[in-house]
Amino acid sequence: MKKSELKRFLDSKVVQYNHLSFIEEDPLGIPHRFTKQQDIEIAGFFAALLAWGNRKSIINSCNKLLGMMGGSPYEFILNFDSNEQTASRNAFKNFVHRTFNEMDLWHLFNFLQHHYAAAGETTLETAFTRSMQPGDTTLENGLTGFHRYVFGYNEFAGEEKHCRKHIATPEKKSACKRLNMYLRWMVRADDQQVDFGIWKNIQSSQLICPLDVHVSRVARKLNILKRPQNDWQAALELTACLKSMDADDPVKYDYALFGLGVMEHY
């Protein structure tokens, strides 16, 4: 397929799948239940981290977690008291999603409480932008810095081992699929209002395409991804190709590739 034909084909698939009906059975529907920015950020963060497995199971786990947080994730984080170790941990001891469990929740609750309450930040965006440099064309520095922040915000955070498998980093060559998906949700904005576009200091052009098994399979079939491994370099390679079709909003094609893979079994 010629490049111009491929662009027309993928553009048509973006139109087909980038609309609000897409989120009805997708983890992205979880943060869409909220209106307060911080609620959207926190609910979206956990929905993205739990986006592992079939979508019904993911949404069930998100519903359970939000229920345990009283349906108000920002208020829960602000009032979270890590000193109430026994009572608080017992309340979450039965939470499990694949290998994600209450130990991971506990570390991330502490991190978010530090970020929003102790550090006084009003948005989780600053957790990603703190390590970005002028002239960055991708979010590689932001993702690397976020990982270091989550496991380095105090002297005890660095001792956490179990949660590290759930917060990916380019330094470990990971494609960072779930975090890139979360960033797409928070940063991208268009008329369809599927993604939120509530973060203004990261540009859509800096986003990296979330690389899951469906997207990578379709990308290789369309010959826009050559690298055989689904790693960070593959995510960069695919995104570079998508930028050649839309330099300002390359990850809009995530909808096309994912829809082709999941809905059409392309």
Protein backbone atom coordinates (compact mmCIF):
# COMPACT_ATOMS: atom_id res chain seq x y z
CA MET A 1 0.00 0.00 0.00
CA LYS A 2 1.38 3.41 -0.96
CA LYS A 3 1.98 5.94 1.84
CA SER A 4 -0.82 8.20 0.64
CA GLU A 5 -3.23 5.25 0.47
CA LEU A 6 -2.16 4.07 3.90
CA LYS A 7 -2.77 7.52 5.38
CA ARG A 8 -6.25 7.70 3.86
CA PHE A 9 -7.02 4.20 5.15
CA LEU A 10 -5.83 4.92 8.69
CA ASP A 11 -7.50 8.34 8.74
CA SER A 12 -10.80 6.65 7.92
CA LYS A 13 -10.28 4.18 10.76
CA VAL A 14 -9.55 7.02 13.19
CA VAL A 15 -12.91 8.53 12.25
CA GLN A 16 -14.55 5.13 12.72
CA TYR A 17 -13.15 4.38 16.18
CA ASN A 18 -12.38 7.77 17.76
CA HIS A 19 -15.79 8.51 19.23
CA LEU A 20 -17.45 8.24 22.64
CA SER A 21 -19.12 4.90 21.95
CA PHE A 22 -15.57 3.45 21.93
CA ILE A 23 -15.24 3.99 25.69
CA GLU A 24 -18.40 2.17 26.79
CA GLU A 25 -16.51 -1.09 27.36
CA ASP A 26 -13.01 0.38 27.62
CA PRO A 27 -10.95 1.34 30.70
CA LEU A 28 -11.02 4.93 29.40
CA GLY A 29 -14.65 5.00 30.48
CA ILE A 30 -13.55 4.89 34.14
CA PRO A 31 -12.12 8.45 34.38
CA HIS A 32 -15.00 9.70 32.22
CA ARG A 33 -17.24 9.23 35.25
CA PHE A 34 -15.64 12.25 36.91
CA THR A 35 -15.54 16.00 36.32
CA LYS A 36 -12.91 17.24 38.80
CA GLN A 37 -9.48 17.22 37.16
CA GLN A 38 -7.73 15.45 40.03
CA ASP A 39 -10.41 12.74 40.15
CA ILE A 40 -9.95 12.20 36.42
CA GLU A 41 -6.17 12.02 36.82
CA ILE A 42 -6.22 9.51 39.70
CA ALA A 43 -9.02 7.32 38.35
CA GLY A 44 -7.35 7.35 34.94
CA PHE A 45 -3.96 6.50 36.43
CA PHE A 46 -5.26 3.37 38.12
CA ALA A 47 -7.46 2.42 35.16
CA ALA A 48 -4.39 2.55 32.91
CA LEU A 49 -2.21 0.56 35.33
CA LEU A 50 -4.91 -2.12 35.64
CA ALA A 51 -5.41 -2.28 31.84
CA TRP A 52 -3.99 -5.75 31.68
CA GLY A 53 -6.15 -8.69 30.59
CA ASN A 54 -9.67 -8.71 29.17
CA ARG A 55 -11.59 -5.47 29.33
CA LYS A 56 -14.45 -6.85 31.47
CA SER A 57 -11.99 -7.96 34.16
CA ILE A 58 -10.18 -4.62 34.02
CA ILE A 59 -13.37 -2.61 34.48
CA ASN A 60 -14.55 -4.88 37.31
CA SER A 61 -11.25 -4.32 39.13
CA CYS A 62 -11.47 -0.55 38.57
CA ASN A 63 -15.03 -0.51 39.92
CA LYS A 64 -13.92 -2.43 43.00
CA LEU A 65 -10.99 -0.11 43.63
CA LEU A 66 -13.02 3.08 43.21
CA GLY A 67 -15.64 1.67 45.58
CA MET A 68 -12.93 1.04 48.18
CA MET A 69 -11.82 4.65 47.68
CA GLY A 70 -15.34 5.86 48.46
CA GLY A 71 -16.02 6.93 44.89
CA SER A 72 -13.93 10.08 45.40
CA PRO A 73 -10.32 9.27 44.52
CA TYR A 74 -8.87 12.76 45.07
CA GLU A 75 -10.53 13.18 48.46
CA PHE A 76 -9.37 9.69 49.41
CA ILE A 77 -5.75 10.51 48.51
CA LEU A 78 -5.79 13.85 50.34
CA ASN A 79 -7.08 12.16 53.50
CA PHE A 80 -4.94 9.05 53.18
CA ASP A 81 -2.93 8.46 56.34
CA SER A 82 -0.05 6.05 55.86
CA ASN A 83 0.43 5.92 59.62
CA GLU A 84 -2.83 4.02 60.00
CA GLN A 85 -1.02 0.97 58.69
CA THR A 86 -3.14 -1.89 60.03
CA ALA A 87 -6.65 -0.53 59.51
CA SER A 88 -5.97 0.92 56.09
CA ARG A 89 -4.09 -2.05 54.73
CA ASN A 90 -6.71 -4.50 55.97
CA ALA A 91 -9.34 -2.58 53.99
CA PHE A 92 -7.43 -3.29 50.77
CA LYS A 93 -5.94 -6.70 51.56
CA ASN A 94 -8.31 -8.54 49.23
CA PHE A 95 -7.63 -6.35 46.22
CA VAL A 96 -5.86 -8.27 43.45
CA HIS A 97 -5.73 -7.75 39.69
CA ARG A 98 -3.37 -10.19 38.02
CA THR A 99 -0.08 -9.54 39.85
CA PHE A 100 -1.19 -6.09 41.06
CA ASN A 101 -2.13 -6.25 44.75
CA GLU A 102 -2.52 -4.24 47.93
CA MET A 103 1.24 -3.75 48.30
CA ASP A 104 1.28 -1.92 44.97
CA LEU A 105 -1.79 0.11 45.92
CA TRP A 106 -0.22 1.05 49.23
CA HIS A 107 2.94 2.36 47.59
CA LEU A 108 1.02 4.33 44.97
CA PHE A 109 -1.40 5.76 47.54
CA ASN A 110 1.62 7.01 49.50
CA PHE A 111 3.19 8.43 46.34
CA LEU A 112 0.01 10.23 45.29
CA GLN A 113 -0.53 11.54 48.82
CA HIS A 114 3.01 12.90 48.77
CA HIS A 115 2.52 14.51 45.35
CA TYR A 116 -0.85 16.15 45.90
CA ALA A 117 -0.80 16.84 49.65
CA ALA A 118 2.79 16.97 50.94
CA ALA A 119 4.29 18.53 47.79
CA GLY A 120 1.17 20.63 47.20
CA GLU A 121 0.87 19.86 43.48
CA THR A 122 -2.51 20.46 41.90
CA THR A 123 -2.01 18.11 38.96
CA LEU A 124 -0.25 14.83 38.26
CA GLU A 125 1.08 16.35 35.05
CA THR A 126 4.01 17.85 36.96
CA ALA A 127 5.12 14.35 37.98
CA PHE A 128 5.93 13.79 34.29
CA THR A 129 7.12 17.25 33.26
CA ARG A 130 9.58 17.66 36.14
CA SER A 131 12.32 15.81 34.21
CA MET A 132 11.51 17.03 30.71
CA GLN A 133 14.00 19.25 28.92
CA PRO A 134 13.50 22.14 26.48
CA GLY A 135 13.46 20.73 22.97
CA ASP A 136 12.28 17.24 23.94
CA THR A 137 10.43 15.78 20.96
CA THR A 138 9.18 12.74 22.88
CA LEU A 139 8.20 11.94 26.46
CA GLU A 140 11.18 9.68 27.09
CA ASN A 141 12.67 11.99 29.73
CA GLY A 142 9.24 12.48 31.28
CA LEU A 143 8.63 8.75 31.63
CA THR A 144 12.12 8.09 32.97
CA GLY A 145 11.75 10.92 35.47
CA PHE A 146 8.30 9.74 36.55
CA HIS A 147 9.65 6.29 37.40
CA ARG A 148 12.50 7.81 39.41
CA TYR A 149 10.06 10.08 41.22
CA VAL A 150 7.63 7.27 42.15
CA PHE A 151 10.48 5.28 43.67
CA GLY A 152 12.53 8.17 44.98
CA TYR A 153 10.18 10.72 46.52
CA ASN A 154 11.43 9.80 50.01
CA GLU A 155 13.96 7.50 51.64
CA PHE A 156 11.49 4.64 51.96
CA ALA A 157 10.15 4.72 48.38
CA GLY A 158 13.37 3.30 46.97
CA GLU A 159 12.93 0.16 49.05
CA GLU A 160 9.71 -0.78 47.26
CA LYS A 161 10.38 -3.66 44.85
CA HIS A 162 7.03 -5.28 44.01
CA CYS A 163 5.43 -2.18 42.50
CA ARG A 164 8.30 -1.56 40.09
CA LYS A 165 6.93 -4.07 37.60
CA HIS A 166 3.81 -1.92 37.24
CA ILE A 167 5.52 1.44 36.61
CA ALA A 168 7.49 0.99 33.42
CA THR A 169 10.47 3.05 32.29
CA PRO A 170 12.37 3.47 29.01
CA GLU A 171 15.55 2.90 31.04
CA LYS A 172 14.53 -0.78 31.23
CA LYS A 173 13.73 -0.80 27.48
CA SER A 174 10.01 -1.19 28.20
CA ALA A 175 7.51 0.07 25.62
CA CYS A 176 5.67 1.70 28.59
CA LYS A 177 2.37 0.81 26.97
CA ARG A 178 0.08 1.54 29.92
CA LEU A 179 1.73 4.83 30.86
CA ASN A 180 1.76 5.97 27.23
CA MET A 181 -1.94 5.14 27.04
CA TYR A 182 -2.58 7.16 30.21
CA LEU A 183 -0.63 10.10 28.80
CA ARG A 184 -2.68 9.93 25.62
CA TRP A 185 -5.85 10.15 27.70
CA MET A 186 -4.66 13.19 29.64
CA VAL A 187 -2.90 15.13 26.84
CA ARG A 188 -4.71 14.55 23.54
CA ALA A 189 -7.63 16.79 22.68
CA ASP A 190 -9.93 16.85 19.69
CA ASP A 191 -13.56 17.53 18.89
CA GLN A 192 -14.62 13.98 19.73
CA GLN A 193 -13.73 14.44 23.43
CA VAL A 194 -12.70 10.82 23.90
CA ASP A 195 -9.33 11.81 25.33
CA PHE A 196 -9.48 14.56 27.96
CA GLY A 197 -6.85 17.09 26.86
CA ILE A 198 -6.62 18.47 30.42
CA TRP A 199 -2.81 18.64 30.52
CA LYS A 200 -1.44 21.66 28.69
CA ASN A 201 2.34 21.51 29.25
CA ILE A 202 2.85 18.32 27.24
CA GLN A 203 2.17 18.47 23.52
CA SER A 204 0.33 15.80 21.54
CA SER A 205 3.31 15.69 19.21
CA GLN A 206 5.46 14.42 22.11
CA LEU A 207 3.25 11.43 22.86
CA ILE A 208 4.37 7.87 22.10
CA CYS A 209 1.94 5.37 20.61
CA PRO A 210 0.87 2.73 23.18
CA LEU A 211 2.32 -0.50 21.85
CA ASP A 212 0.23 -3.53 22.78
CA VAL A 213 -0.01 -6.88 21.02
CA HIS A 214 -2.93 -5.77 18.83
CA VAL A 215 -1.37 -2.48 17.73
CA SER A 216 2.02 -4.07 17.06
CA ARG A 217 0.51 -6.93 15.06
CA VAL A 218 -1.48 -4.61 12.82
CA ALA A 219 1.47 -2.20 12.47
CA ARG A 220 3.74 -4.99 11.27
CA LYS A 221 1.08 -6.23 8.87
CA LEU A 222 0.82 -2.72 7.43
CA ASN A 223 4.63 -2.59 7.24
CA ILE A 224 4.91 0.50 9.45
CA LEU A 225 6.80 -1.37 12.17
CA LYS A 226 9.84 -3.50 11.36
CA ARG A 227 11.36 -4.18 14.76
CA PRO A 228 10.36 -7.66 16.01
CA GLN A 229 10.44 -6.87 19.75
CA ASN A 230 7.68 -4.90 21.46
CA ASP A 231 10.10 -2.65 23.34
CA TRP A 232 10.85 1.05 23.70
CA GLN A 233 12.69 1.24 20.38
CA ALA A 234 9.71 -0.34 18.64
CA ALA A 235 7.37 2.23 20.22
CA LEU A 236 9.65 5.02 18.99
CA GLU A 237 9.89 3.48 15.51
CA LEU A 238 6.13 3.17 15.14
CA THR A 239 5.52 6.68 16.48
CA ALA A 240 8.06 8.14 14.04
CA CYS A 241 6.17 6.53 11.17
CA LEU A 242 2.85 7.85 12.48
CA LYS A 243 4.39 11.33 12.78
CA SER A 244 5.12 11.24 9.08
CA MET A 245 1.33 11.08 8.58
CA ASP A 246 0.43 13.61 11.27
CA ALA A 247 3.32 15.39 12.98
CA ASP A 248 1.09 17.22 15.47
CA ASP A 249 -1.09 14.29 16.57
CA PRO A 250 0.58 10.98 15.73
CA VAL A 251 -1.10 8.90 18.44
CA LYS A 252 -4.57 9.51 17.05
CA TYR A 253 -3.69 6.48 14.92
CA ASP A 254 -3.70 4.37 18.07
CA TYR A 255 -7.48 4.27 17.60
CA ALA A 256 -7.10 3.00 14.04
CA LEU A 257 -4.51 0.33 14.83
CA PHE A 258 -6.25 -0.86 18.00
CA GLY A 259 -9.66 -0.90 16.33
CA LEU A 260 -8.32 -2.85 13.36
CA GLY A 261 -6.71 -5.37 15.70
CA VAL A 262 -9.46 -5.85 18.29
CA MET A 263 -12.67 -5.07 16.45
CA GLU A 264 -11.78 -6.30 12.98
CA HIS A 265 -9.11 -8.92 13.82
CA TYR A 266 -7.07 -7.41 10.98
